[in-house]
Amino acid sequence: MNQPTTTEVPSFTLETTVGAIVAARPALARIFEKLGIDYCCGGKRPLAELVRARGLDPATVLAMLEAATSALAAGTAEVDAAAMTLTQLADHIEQSHHDYVKAELPRLVEMADRVARKHAWRDERLKEIAETVTLLANEMFSHMAKEETILFPFVRQLEAGAPDAFHCGSIANPIRQMEDEHEFAGRAVARLRELTGGFRPDADACNTHRALLGGLEEFEGDLHRHVHKENNILFPRALAFATSRN
């Protein structure tokens, strides 16, 4: 599939929501991740509010974002999820994020269990880490199945003009449920970050433990981008589309 790209430099202020910023320039998500700013579930909140909540200087963060935006404009264009149709975006989420989760989470569960079995005697946190990864995996697989069999097909039918799809309430309820489940996944990943000291291994960590922490950190970043594309782009546009056609 040919995915739209963008080369224009978007403008934003401290009052712009972080979700809108990442929707306009997806690569800026990495800056928010480094600063610990929630741009997915917190995507509807303005930049200044979230920056201050982290104890950071708003002007400094805004300058960082503007510098990164200028650098990106001079380099390779990023995939622009906001420019995709609803169907393209649903396909992209399944192919880029769902497939990643299906391949990666079983590996992380296996490693977390192995590390806990071998090393929990010296670090009691490892048991909770393994339990949390397993809980997250069970939730994510259930969540993605509902999106792939119920919500995303409905979104595609809506855009295709299916008569029985033009009821805002029909799509609002599953979207609300998916957003609630996003909150759960976000809390689980935040707990994993807390338990692992920011996914940083201690001096005694074995290679499997180090691989687990690296995998969890990568998974966190993908989850943030995944949830952002749904909460801040796909879901609002699907609701607006349904409302306009109702």
Protein backbone atom coordinates (compact mmCIF):
# COMPACT_ATOMS: atom_id res chain seq x y z
CA MET A 1 0.00 0.00 0.00
CA ASN A 2 1.28 3.45 -0.83
CA GLN A 3 1.11 5.51 2.34
CA PRO A 4 0.76 9.28 2.24
CA THR A 5 3.69 11.36 3.41
CA THR A 6 4.05 14.98 4.36
CA THR A 7 6.84 17.50 3.93
CA GLU A 8 5.27 20.72 5.21
CA VAL A 9 6.34 22.15 8.55
CA PRO A 10 3.36 22.21 10.93
CA SER A 11 3.03 25.02 13.46
CA PHE A 12 1.92 24.56 17.05
CA THR A 13 1.90 26.40 20.36
CA LEU A 14 1.81 25.52 24.04
CA GLU A 15 -1.98 25.34 23.75
CA THR A 16 -1.86 22.74 20.97
CA THR A 17 -2.81 19.29 22.21
CA VAL A 18 0.05 16.80 22.23
CA GLY A 19 -2.08 14.42 20.18
CA ALA A 20 -2.41 17.03 17.44
CA ILE A 21 1.34 17.64 17.49
CA VAL A 22 2.17 13.97 17.01
CA ALA A 23 -0.58 13.60 14.41
CA ALA A 24 1.05 16.40 12.39
CA ARG A 25 4.61 15.19 12.92
CA PRO A 26 4.80 11.55 14.11
CA ALA A 27 8.57 11.56 14.68
CA LEU A 28 8.12 14.06 17.54
CA ALA A 29 6.68 11.16 19.54
CA ARG A 30 10.25 10.17 20.39
CA ILE A 31 10.82 13.49 22.18
CA PHE A 32 7.65 13.04 24.24
CA GLU A 33 8.73 9.50 25.10
CA LYS A 34 12.13 10.70 26.31
CA LEU A 35 10.49 13.39 28.43
CA GLY A 36 7.91 10.99 29.85
CA ILE A 37 4.98 12.92 28.34
CA ASP A 38 1.87 10.85 27.58
CA TYR A 39 0.79 11.75 24.04
CA CYS A 40 -1.53 8.78 23.47
CA CYS A 41 -4.06 8.50 26.31
CA GLY A 42 -3.21 12.09 27.29
CA GLY A 43 -3.34 13.26 23.70
CA LYS A 44 -6.32 15.57 24.16
CA ARG A 45 -4.53 17.72 26.75
CA PRO A 46 -2.54 20.84 25.78
CA LEU A 47 1.23 20.74 25.60
CA ALA A 48 1.75 23.30 28.38
CA GLU A 49 -0.38 21.31 30.84
CA LEU A 50 1.48 18.05 30.35
CA VAL A 51 4.91 19.72 30.31
CA ARG A 52 4.24 21.48 33.61
CA ALA A 53 2.91 18.26 35.12
CA ARG A 54 6.34 16.74 34.45
CA GLY A 55 8.08 19.69 36.11
CA LEU A 56 9.58 20.85 32.82
CA ASP A 57 9.93 24.33 31.33
CA PRO A 58 7.29 24.79 28.59
CA ALA A 59 9.40 27.22 26.54
CA THR A 60 12.34 24.82 26.52
CA VAL A 61 10.20 21.88 25.41
CA LEU A 62 8.55 23.98 22.71
CA ALA A 63 11.99 25.00 21.44
CA MET A 64 13.03 21.32 21.35
CA LEU A 65 9.97 20.44 19.30
CA GLU A 66 10.47 23.33 16.88
CA ALA A 67 14.14 22.41 16.36
CA ALA A 68 13.24 18.78 15.74
CA THR A 69 10.48 19.83 13.33
CA SER A 70 12.90 21.97 11.31
CA ALA A 71 15.40 19.11 11.17
CA LEU A 72 12.72 16.68 10.03
CA ALA A 73 11.51 19.07 7.34
CA ALA A 74 15.00 19.03 5.86
CA GLY A 75 15.23 15.25 5.98
CA THR A 76 13.14 12.24 5.09
CA ALA A 77 9.37 12.69 5.14
CA GLU A 78 7.45 10.76 7.79
CA VAL A 79 4.40 8.62 7.19
CA ASP A 80 1.40 10.89 7.77
CA ALA A 81 -1.33 8.88 9.48
CA ALA A 82 -3.60 11.93 9.55
CA ALA A 83 -3.64 12.03 5.73
CA MET A 84 -4.81 8.44 5.36
CA THR A 85 -8.40 7.46 4.72
CA LEU A 86 -10.15 5.61 7.54
CA THR A 87 -9.67 2.31 5.73
CA GLN A 88 -6.00 2.99 5.02
CA LEU A 89 -5.40 3.89 8.66
CA ALA A 90 -7.17 0.79 9.98
CA ASP A 91 -5.10 -1.34 7.58
CA HIS A 92 -1.91 0.46 8.62
CA ILE A 93 -2.60 -0.09 12.33
CA GLU A 94 -3.20 -3.80 11.79
CA GLN A 95 -0.16 -4.28 9.56
CA SER A 96 2.28 -2.07 11.47
CA HIS A 97 1.19 -2.40 15.09
CA HIS A 98 -1.03 -5.45 15.53
CA ASP A 99 1.41 -7.66 13.65
CA TYR A 100 4.26 -6.30 15.77
CA VAL A 101 2.40 -7.02 19.01
CA LYS A 102 1.51 -10.55 17.89
CA ALA A 103 5.14 -11.30 17.13
CA GLU A 104 6.75 -9.49 20.06
CA LEU A 105 4.56 -10.05 23.12
CA PRO A 106 4.87 -13.88 23.22
CA ARG A 107 8.66 -13.46 23.13
CA LEU A 108 8.55 -10.94 25.98
CA VAL A 109 6.26 -13.18 28.04
CA GLU A 110 8.64 -16.13 27.62
CA MET A 111 11.70 -14.07 28.56
CA ALA A 112 9.98 -12.46 31.56
CA ASP A 113 8.96 -15.89 32.87
CA ARG A 114 12.46 -17.30 32.36
CA VAL A 115 14.15 -14.36 34.10
CA ALA A 116 11.70 -14.53 37.02
CA ARG A 117 12.25 -18.28 37.48
CA LYS A 118 16.02 -17.96 37.53
CA HIS A 119 16.62 -14.66 39.27
CA ALA A 120 13.61 -13.77 41.45
CA TRP A 121 15.63 -14.95 44.47
CA ARG A 122 17.77 -11.81 44.16
CA ASP A 123 15.13 -9.37 42.86
CA GLU A 124 11.55 -9.86 44.00
CA ARG A 125 10.31 -7.35 41.40
CA LEU A 126 10.93 -9.91 38.65
CA LYS A 127 7.85 -11.91 39.61
CA GLU A 128 5.58 -8.89 39.30
CA ILE A 129 7.25 -7.95 36.02
CA ALA A 130 6.48 -11.40 34.60
CA GLU A 131 2.90 -11.28 35.89
CA THR A 132 2.37 -7.80 34.44
CA VAL A 133 3.77 -8.77 31.02
CA THR A 134 1.47 -11.81 30.91
CA LEU A 135 -1.54 -9.73 31.94
CA LEU A 136 -0.67 -7.12 29.32
CA ALA A 137 -0.34 -9.79 26.62
CA ASN A 138 -3.72 -11.35 27.46
CA GLU A 139 -5.38 -7.94 27.38
CA MET A 140 -3.70 -6.86 24.13
CA PHE A 141 -4.61 -10.06 22.25
CA SER A 142 -8.24 -9.77 23.37
CA HIS A 143 -8.26 -6.06 22.51
CA MET A 144 -6.82 -6.52 19.02
CA ALA A 145 -9.23 -9.36 18.24
CA LYS A 146 -12.17 -7.06 19.02
CA GLU A 147 -10.73 -4.33 16.82
CA GLU A 148 -10.03 -6.69 13.92
CA THR A 149 -13.38 -8.50 14.00
CA ILE A 150 -15.76 -5.75 15.13
CA LEU A 151 -14.56 -2.15 15.19
CA PHE A 152 -12.24 -1.93 12.19
CA PRO A 153 -14.64 -3.75 9.83
CA PHE A 154 -17.34 -1.33 10.99
CA VAL A 155 -15.04 1.63 10.26
CA ARG A 156 -14.39 0.30 6.75
CA GLN A 157 -18.12 -0.23 6.15
CA LEU A 158 -18.81 3.27 7.41
CA GLU A 159 -16.38 4.81 4.95
CA ALA A 160 -17.69 2.59 2.12
CA GLY A 161 -21.19 3.94 2.69
CA ALA A 162 -22.96 0.91 4.18
CA PRO A 163 -26.49 2.15 5.12
CA ASP A 164 -26.57 0.40 8.51
CA ALA A 165 -23.27 2.03 9.51
CA PHE A 166 -24.61 5.58 9.74
CA HIS A 167 -25.41 5.60 13.44
CA CYS A 168 -22.98 7.47 15.64
CA GLY A 169 -24.07 5.55 18.74
CA SER A 170 -23.27 2.26 17.05
CA ILE A 171 -19.60 3.14 16.71
CA ALA A 172 -19.29 5.34 19.81
CA ASN A 173 -19.80 2.45 22.22
CA PRO A 174 -17.02 0.16 20.90
CA ILE A 175 -14.71 3.15 20.58
CA ARG A 176 -15.31 4.03 24.22
CA GLN A 177 -14.52 0.44 25.18
CA MET A 178 -11.31 0.45 23.15
CA GLU A 179 -10.20 3.70 24.78
CA ASP A 180 -10.80 2.20 28.23
CA GLU A 181 -8.67 -0.77 27.26
CA HIS A 182 -5.96 1.58 26.00
CA GLU A 183 -5.91 3.13 29.46
CA PHE A 184 -5.38 -0.31 30.99
CA ALA A 185 -2.49 -1.10 28.64
CA GLY A 186 -0.95 2.30 29.31
CA ARG A 187 -1.08 1.73 33.07
CA ALA A 188 0.48 -1.73 32.67
CA VAL A 189 3.38 -0.37 30.63
CA ALA A 190 3.86 2.51 33.08
CA ARG A 191 4.03 -0.03 35.91
CA LEU A 192 6.66 -2.01 33.97
CA ARG A 193 8.72 1.14 33.53
CA GLU A 194 8.46 1.79 37.27
CA LEU A 195 9.37 -1.78 38.24
CA THR A 196 12.40 -1.83 35.94
CA GLY A 197 13.78 1.60 36.82
CA GLY A 198 13.11 2.92 33.34
CA PHE A 199 14.01 -0.38 31.64
CA ARG A 200 17.61 -0.06 32.84
CA PRO A 201 19.47 -3.27 33.81
CA ASP A 202 21.56 -3.48 36.94
CA ALA A 203 25.14 -4.69 36.90
CA ASP A 204 24.14 -8.31 37.66
CA ALA A 205 21.50 -8.60 34.91
CA CYS A 206 21.98 -11.59 32.59
CA ASN A 207 21.78 -11.25 28.83
CA THR A 208 18.17 -12.49 28.76
CA HIS A 209 17.23 -9.91 31.36
CA ARG A 210 18.90 -7.18 29.32
CA ALA A 211 17.13 -8.35 26.15
CA LEU A 212 13.82 -8.33 28.02
CA LEU A 213 14.29 -4.75 29.19
CA GLY A 214 15.28 -3.61 25.71
CA GLY A 215 12.23 -5.34 24.26
CA LEU A 216 9.90 -3.79 26.83
CA GLU A 217 11.23 -0.31 26.12
CA GLU A 218 10.73 -0.80 22.38
CA PHE A 219 7.25 -2.17 23.03
CA GLU A 220 6.38 0.89 25.10
CA GLY A 221 7.29 3.20 22.22
CA ASP A 222 5.28 1.18 19.72
CA LEU A 223 2.28 1.09 22.07
CA HIS A 224 2.35 4.87 22.43
CA ARG A 225 2.37 5.33 18.65
CA HIS A 226 -0.29 2.64 18.25
CA VAL A 227 -2.69 4.16 20.78
CA HIS A 228 -2.04 7.67 19.49
CA LYS A 229 -3.11 6.74 15.96
CA GLU A 230 -6.35 5.27 17.28
CA ASN A 231 -7.29 7.68 20.10
CA ASN A 232 -6.26 10.90 18.39
CA ILE A 233 -6.77 10.19 14.68
CA LEU A 234 -8.85 7.13 13.75
CA PHE A 235 -11.51 7.25 16.47
CA PRO A 236 -12.31 11.01 16.34
CA ARG A 237 -12.47 10.93 12.55
CA ALA A 238 -14.71 7.85 12.52
CA LEU A 239 -17.07 9.48 15.02
CA ALA A 240 -17.13 12.72 13.03
CA PHE A 241 -17.76 10.79 9.80
CA ALA A 242 -20.65 8.88 11.37
CA THR A 243 -22.14 12.08 12.77
CA SER A 244 -21.90 13.90 9.44
CA ARG A 245 -23.64 11.05 7.64
CA ASN A 246 -26.28 10.35 10.31
